[in-house]
C-alpha atoms as a PDB file:
ATOM      1  CA  UNK A   1      -6.339  63.077  -1.948  1.00  0.00           C
ATOM      2  CA  UNK A   2      -2.397  61.274  -1.477  1.00  0.00           C
ATOM      3  CA  UNK A   3      -0.102  59.600  -4.879  1.00  0.00           C
ATOM      4  CA  UNK A   4      -1.024  56.136  -5.317  1.00  0.00           C
ATOM      5  CA  UNK A   5       1.991  54.359  -7.443  1.00  0.00           C
ATOM      6  CA  UNK A   6       0.874  51.059 -10.137  1.00  0.00           C
ATOM      7  CA  UNK A   7       3.199  48.991 -12.251  1.00  0.00           C
ATOM      8  CA  UNK A   8       2.202  48.779 -15.137  1.00  0.00           C
ATOM      9  CA  UNK A   9       4.459  45.662 -17.252  1.00  0.00           C
ATOM     10  CA  UNK A  10       3.984  45.651 -21.134  1.00  0.00           C
ATOM     11  CA  UNK A  11       4.593  41.593 -22.126  1.00  0.00           C
ATOM     12  CA  UNK A  12       3.828  41.355 -25.799  1.00  0.00           C
ATOM     13  CA  UNK A  13       1.290  41.482 -28.375  1.00  0.00           C
ATOM     14  CA  UNK A  14       0.157  38.088 -30.032  1.00  0.00           C
ATOM     15  CA  UNK A  15      -0.960  38.219 -32.700  1.00  0.00           C
ATOM     16  CA  UNK A  16      -0.945  42.090 -34.608  1.00  0.00           C
ATOM     17  CA  UNK A  17      -3.141  41.900 -37.436  1.00  0.00           C
ATOM     18  CA  UNK A  18      -0.659  43.192 -40.696  1.00  0.00           C
ATOM     19  CA  UNK A  19      -1.599  43.540 -44.113  1.00  0.00           C
ATOM     20  CA  UNK A  20       0.981  41.512 -45.819  1.00  0.00           C
ATOM     21  CA  UNK A  21      -0.338  40.813 -48.780  1.00  0.00           C
ATOM     22  CA  UNK A  22       1.175  44.811 -50.318  1.00  0.00           C
ATOM     23  CA  UNK A  23       5.394  42.874 -50.935  1.00  0.00           C
ATOM     24  CA  UNK A  24       5.890  47.084 -49.853  1.00  0.00           C
ATOM     25  CA  UNK A  25       4.831  46.804 -47.078  1.00  0.00           C
ATOM     26  CA  UNK A  26       6.683  44.882 -45.087  1.00  0.00           C
ATOM     27  CA  UNK A  27       6.061  43.192 -41.540  1.00  0.00           C
ATOM     28  CA  UNK A  28       5.093  46.247 -38.593  1.00  0.00           C
ATOM     29  CA  UNK A  29       7.915  47.628 -36.471  1.00  0.00           C
ATOM     30  CA  UNK A  30       5.450  47.970 -33.433  1.00  0.00           C
ATOM     31  CA  UNK A  31       6.059  49.750 -30.182  1.00  0.00           C
ATOM     32  CA  UNK A  32       3.462  50.624 -27.536  1.00  0.00           C
ATOM     33  CA  UNK A  33       3.428  54.277 -25.690  1.00  0.00           C
ATOM     34  CA  UNK A  34       1.332  55.131 -22.540  1.00  0.00           C
ATOM     35  CA  UNK A  35      -0.136  57.789 -21.751  1.00  0.00           C
ATOM     36  CA  UNK A  36      -2.438  59.765 -19.341  1.00  0.00           C
ATOM     37  CA  UNK A  37      -3.848  63.124 -19.430  1.00  0.00           C
ATOM     38  CA  UNK A  38      -2.958  64.159 -22.226  1.00  0.00           C
ATOM     39  CA  UNK A  39       1.728  63.439 -21.608  1.00  0.00           C
ATOM     40  CA  UNK A  40       3.602  60.965 -22.576  1.00  0.00           C
ATOM     41  CA  UNK A  41       4.402  58.626 -19.557  1.00  0.00           C
ATOM     42  CA  UNK A  42       6.215  55.586 -20.784  1.00  0.00           C
ATOM     43  CA  UNK A  43       7.152  54.788 -24.859  1.00  0.00           C
ATOM     44  CA  UNK A  44       8.590  50.745 -25.262  1.00  0.00           C
ATOM     45  CA  UNK A  45      11.484  49.986 -27.620  1.00  0.00           C
ATOM     46  CA  UNK A  46      11.099  49.345 -31.144  1.00  0.00           C
ATOM     47  CA  UNK A  47      10.242  45.734 -31.588  1.00  0.00           C
ATOM     48  CA  UNK A  48      11.504  45.035 -35.562  1.00  0.00           C
ATOM     49  CA  UNK A  49       9.949  43.155 -38.429  1.00  0.00           C
ATOM     50  CA  UNK A  50       6.867  41.692 -36.484  1.00  0.00           C
ATOM     51  CA  UNK A  51       4.028  40.911 -35.571  1.00  0.00           C
ATOM     52  CA  UNK A  52       4.331  39.119 -32.104  1.00  0.00           C
ATOM     53  CA  UNK A  53       6.144  41.705 -30.850  1.00  0.00           C
ATOM     54  CA  UNK A  54       7.660  40.852 -26.331  1.00  0.00           C
ATOM     55  CA  UNK A  55       8.280  43.487 -24.438  1.00  0.00           C
ATOM     56  CA  UNK A  56       8.202  43.118 -21.096  1.00  0.00           C
ATOM     57  CA  UNK A  57       8.414  46.590 -19.941  1.00  0.00           C
ATOM     58  CA  UNK A  58       7.947  47.729 -16.893  1.00  0.00           C
ATOM     59  CA  UNK A  59       6.719  51.553 -15.272  1.00  0.00           C
ATOM     60  CA  UNK A  60       5.449  53.060 -12.906  1.00  0.00           C
ATOM     61  CA  UNK A  61       2.160  55.062 -12.856  1.00  0.00           C
ATOM     62  CA  UNK A  62       1.795  57.328 -10.276  1.00  0.00           C
ATOM     63  CA  UNK A  63      -2.561  58.840  -9.926  1.00  0.00           C
ATOM     64  CA  UNK A  64      -4.344  60.856  -7.420  1.00  0.00           C
ATOM     65  CA  UNK A  65      -7.055  59.697  -8.579  1.00  0.00           C
ATOM     66  CA  UNK A  66      -8.213  55.528  -9.883  1.00  0.00           C
ATOM     67  CA  UNK A  67     -10.767  56.453 -12.318  1.00  0.00           C
ATOM     68  CA  UNK A  68      -8.117  58.258 -14.247  1.00  0.00           C
ATOM     69  CA  UNK A  69      -7.483  56.992 -18.065  1.00  0.00           C
ATOM     70  CA  UNK A  70      -4.458  55.355 -19.623  1.00  0.00           C
ATOM     71  CA  UNK A  71      -4.194  55.292 -23.735  1.00  0.00           C
ATOM     72  CA  UNK A  72      -2.587  52.684 -24.811  1.00  0.00           C
ATOM     73  CA  UNK A  73      -1.254  52.832 -28.446  1.00  0.00           C
ATOM     74  CA  UNK A  74       0.004  50.478 -30.957  1.00  0.00           C
ATOM     75  CA  UNK A  75       1.994  52.445 -33.230  1.00  0.00           C
ATOM     76  CA  UNK A  76       4.380  51.175 -36.831  1.00  0.00           C
ATOM     77  CA  UNK A  77       7.625  53.185 -36.171  1.00  0.00           C
ATOM     78  CA  UNK A  78       8.513  53.164 -40.322  1.00  0.00           C
ATOM     79  CA  UNK A  79      12.138  52.914 -40.856  1.00  0.00           C
ATOM     80  CA  UNK A  80      12.431  54.194 -44.664  1.00  0.00           C
ATOM     81  CA  UNK A  81      10.203  57.575 -43.283  1.00  0.00           C
ATOM     82  CA  UNK A  82      11.441  57.297 -39.933  1.00  0.00           C
ATOM     83  CA  UNK A  83       7.866  58.557 -38.964  1.00  0.00           C
ATOM     84  CA  UNK A  84       4.856  56.214 -37.131  1.00  0.00           C
ATOM     85  CA  UNK A  85       2.126  54.867 -38.140  1.00  0.00           C
ATOM     86  CA  UNK A  86      -1.363  54.020 -35.363  1.00  0.00           C
ATOM     87  CA  UNK A  87      -1.833  50.323 -35.935  1.00  0.00           C
ATOM     88  CA  UNK A  88      -4.121  50.272 -32.975  1.00  0.00           C
ATOM     89  CA  UNK A  89      -5.459  51.937 -29.618  1.00  0.00           C
ATOM     90  CA  UNK A  90      -8.062  51.740 -26.655  1.00  0.00           C
ATOM     91  CA  UNK A  91      -7.966  53.970 -22.958  1.00  0.00           C
ATOM     92  CA  UNK A  92      -9.170  52.761 -19.543  1.00  0.00           C
ATOM     93  CA  UNK A  93      -9.512  53.595 -16.046  1.00  0.00           C
ATOM     94  CA  UNK A  94      -6.967  53.150 -13.363  1.00  0.00           C
ATOM     95  CA  UNK A  95      -9.703  51.455 -12.171  1.00  0.00           C
ATOM     96  CA  UNK A  96     -10.797  49.059 -14.215  1.00  0.00           C
ATOM     97  CA  UNK A  97      -7.590  47.466 -14.606  1.00  0.00           C
ATOM     98  CA  UNK A  98      -6.490  47.112 -10.811  1.00  0.00           C
ATOM     99  CA  UNK A  99     -10.261  45.816 -11.024  1.00  0.00           C
ATOM    100  CA  UNK A 100      -9.744  42.889 -13.169  1.00  0.00           C
ATOM    101  CA  UNK A 101      -5.497  42.509 -12.445  1.00  0.00           C
ATOM    102  CA  UNK A 102      -7.633  40.418  -9.697  1.00  0.00           C
ATOM    103  CA  UNK A 103      -8.987  38.375 -11.975  1.00  0.00           C
ATOM    104  CA  UNK A 104      -6.067  37.571 -14.105  1.00  0.00           C
ATOM    105  CA  UNK A 105      -1.992  37.578 -13.591  1.00  0.00           C
ATOM    106  CA  UNK A 106      -2.163  39.317 -17.037  1.00  0.00           C
ATOM    107  CA  UNK A 107      -4.761  41.550 -18.541  1.00  0.00           C
ATOM    108  CA  UNK A 108      -5.708  41.369 -21.861  1.00  0.00           C
ATOM    109  CA  UNK A 109      -6.405  45.175 -24.683  1.00  0.00           C
ATOM    110  CA  UNK A 110      -7.606  45.109 -27.386  1.00  0.00           C
ATOM    111  CA  UNK A 111      -6.456  47.907 -29.589  1.00  0.00           C
ATOM    112  CA  UNK A 112      -8.959  48.894 -32.231  1.00  0.00           C
ATOM    113  CA  UNK A 113      -8.540  50.957 -35.380  1.00  0.00           C
ATOM    114  CA  UNK A 114     -11.862  52.967 -36.364  1.00  0.00           C
ATOM    115  CA  UNK A 115     -13.416  51.155 -35.120  1.00  0.00           C
ATOM    116  CA  UNK A 116     -11.618  47.584 -36.664  1.00  0.00           C
ATOM    117  CA  UNK A 117      -9.961  45.061 -33.889  1.00  0.00           C
ATOM    118  CA  UNK A 118      -6.398  45.375 -34.835  1.00  0.00           C
ATOM    119  CA  UNK A 119      -4.595  43.978 -32.035  1.00  0.00           C
ATOM    120  CA  UNK A 120      -4.425  42.260 -28.781  1.00  0.00           C
ATOM    121  CA  UNK A 121      -1.420  43.891 -25.683  1.00  0.00           C
ATOM    122  CA  UNK A 122      -1.355  41.230 -22.853  1.00  0.00           C
ATOM    123  CA  UNK A 123       0.005  43.822 -19.823  1.00  0.00           C
ATOM    124  CA  UNK A 124       0.648  43.047 -15.909  1.00  0.00           C
ATOM    125  CA  UNK A 125      -0.977  45.925 -13.920  1.00  0.00           C
ATOM    126  CA  UNK A 126      -0.899  45.766 -10.095  1.00  0.00           C
ATOM    127  CA  UNK A 127      -1.151  48.814  -7.246  1.00  0.00           C
ATOM    128  CA  UNK A 128       2.389  49.049  -5.719  1.00  0.00           C
ATOM    129  CA  UNK A 129       1.900  49.079  -2.095  1.00  0.00           C
ATOM    130  CA  UNK A 130       3.688  51.756   0.479  1.00  0.00           C
ATOM    131  CA  UNK A 131       5.978  50.278   1.973  1.00  0.00           C
ATOM    132  CA  UNK A 132       5.225  49.745   6.132  1.00  0.00           C
ATOM    133  CA  UNK A 133       6.825  52.034   8.871  1.00  0.00           C
ATOM    134  CA  UNK A 134       8.161  50.653  11.795  1.00  0.00           C
ATOM    135  CA  UNK A 135       4.914  50.980  14.250  1.00  0.00           C
ATOM    136  CA  UNK A 136       6.569  53.403  16.479  1.00  0.00           C
ATOM    137  CA  UNK A 137       4.130  55.871  18.173  1.00  0.00           C
ATOM    138  CA  UNK A 138       4.569  59.372  18.828  1.00  0.00           C
ATOM    139  CA  UNK A 139       2.817  58.397  22.533  1.00  0.00           C
ATOM    140  CA  UNK A 140       5.056  55.816  23.074  1.00  0.00           C
ATOM    141  CA  UNK A 141       8.954  57.839  21.846  1.00  0.00           C
ATOM    142  CA  UNK A 142       7.617  60.308  23.612  1.00  0.00           C
ATOM    143  CA  UNK A 143       7.229  57.652  26.251  1.00  0.00           C
ATOM    144  CA  UNK A 144      11.071  57.137  26.677  1.00  0.00           C
ATOM    145  CA  UNK A 145      12.078  60.204  25.775  1.00  0.00           C
ATOM    146  CA  UNK A 146      10.622  61.259  29.331  1.00  0.00           C
ATOM    147  CA  UNK A 147      11.831  58.388  31.604  1.00  0.00           C
ATOM    148  CA  UNK A 148      14.465  58.863  30.161  1.00  0.00           C
ATOM    149  CA  UNK A 149      15.538  62.514  31.639  1.00  0.00           C
ATOM    150  CA  UNK A 150      13.624  61.641  34.927  1.00  0.00           C
ATOM    151  CA  UNK A 151      16.396  59.278  36.297  1.00  0.00           C
ATOM    152  CA  UNK A 152      19.007  59.891  37.751  1.00  0.00           C
ATOM    153  CA  UNK A 153      22.819  59.150  38.110  1.00  0.00           C
ATOM    154  CA  UNK A 154      21.803  56.937  41.788  1.00  0.00           C
ATOM    155  CA  UNK A 155      18.457  55.489  39.744  1.00  0.00           C
ATOM    156  CA  UNK A 156      20.731  54.528  36.555  1.00  0.00           C
ATOM    157  CA  UNK A 157      22.805  53.187  38.782  1.00  0.00           C
ATOM    158  CA  UNK A 158      20.467  50.013  40.432  1.00  0.00           C
ATOM    159  CA  UNK A 159      19.406  50.211  37.533  1.00  0.00           C
ATOM    160  CA  UNK A 160      22.529  48.875  35.801  1.00  0.00           C
ATOM    161  CA  UNK A 161      23.733  46.905  38.876  1.00  0.00           C
ATOM    162  CA  UNK A 162      20.796  44.391  38.315  1.00  0.00           C
ATOM    163  CA  UNK A 163      21.066  44.056  34.785  1.00  0.00           C
ATOM    164  CA  UNK A 164      23.836  41.185  35.394  1.00  0.00           C
ATOM    165  CA  UNK A 165      26.953  41.639  33.056  1.00  0.00           C
ATOM    166  CA  UNK A 166      27.363  38.761  31.011  1.00  0.00           C
ATOM    167  CA  UNK A 167      26.145  40.393  27.684  1.00  0.00           C
ATOM    168  CA  UNK A 168      26.686  43.175  27.606  1.00  0.00           C
ATOM    169  CA  UNK A 169      28.287  45.994  25.393  1.00  0.00           C
ATOM    170  CA  UNK A 170      31.939  46.917  25.844  1.00  0.00           C
ATOM    171  CA  UNK A 171      29.361  50.744  25.391  1.00  0.00           C
ATOM    172  CA  UNK A 172      27.013  48.593  28.507  1.00  0.00           C
ATOM    173  CA  UNK A 173      30.173  48.311  30.625  1.00  0.00           C
ATOM    174  CA  UNK A 174      31.681  51.417  30.629  1.00  0.00           C
ATOM    175  CA  UNK A 175      28.645  53.108  31.597  1.00  0.00           C
ATOM    176  CA  UNK A 176      28.110  50.837  34.361  1.00  0.00           C
ATOM    177  CA  UNK A 177      31.316  51.734  35.447  1.00  0.00           C
ATOM    178  CA  UNK A 178      31.081  55.539  35.870  1.00  0.00           C
ATOM    179  CA  UNK A 179      28.554  55.336  37.028  1.00  0.00           C
ATOM    180  CA  UNK A 180      29.915  53.355  40.072  1.00  0.00           C
ATOM    181  CA  UNK A 181      32.772  55.301  40.532  1.00  0.00           C
ATOM    182  CA  UNK A 182      34.951  52.329  39.486  1.00  0.00           C
ATOM    183  CA  UNK A 183      37.712  52.104  36.269  1.00  0.00           C
ATOM    184  CA  UNK A 184      37.901  48.414  37.582  1.00  0.00           C
ATOM    185  CA  UNK A 185      37.563  45.464  35.353  1.00  0.00           C
ATOM    186  CA  UNK A 186      37.302  44.916  31.987  1.00  0.00           C
ATOM    187  CA  UNK A 187      35.920  47.589  30.357  1.00  0.00           C
ATOM    188  CA  UNK A 188      38.734  50.080  28.805  1.00  0.00           C
ATOM    189  CA  UNK A 189      37.994  53.983  28.819  1.00  0.00           C
ATOM    190  CA  UNK A 190      37.942  55.826  25.867  1.00  0.00           C
ATOM    191  CA  UNK A 191      40.543  57.709  24.569  1.00  0.00           C
ATOM    192  CA  UNK A 192      40.333  60.933  23.147  1.00  0.00           C
END
């Protein structure tokens, strides 16, 4: 099975549910972590003291299996203790993200903590199509090489003489002169 690449763009969280009644607990310093199979793939920058963070950060995910699960976690980074505290999280299959992204440019992920919705994370997700290689088949490449190897100097001379000299490159004119045995004309002989 081949590896497929996906682009995930973490846009924003329009409203984080955060208890600000306690004065000792100001707005959070949120950031997002994306992981798969227990391995952290990306962590966004920490946004300072906001319940409406904006990131606009991209990451490329490589996966062999569209059934793989991504874990999306929203954390609060405590500047006092230097630790982190989870705000909310969700798990979603890569194929589900692909399907949702076909319906809308932006995908909303509901993040929960102990069964309570704590935030909505807005992302963009798309499959990256592999670059298109030039369409040269092995057969046509072999055919060109085979045809070139069978051309004798006399055949090449006849073909070059049939071609109009106007619009020919300097190299083509030089080859034509070399094959015809003529050094006259406006083509300089390469010097070493």
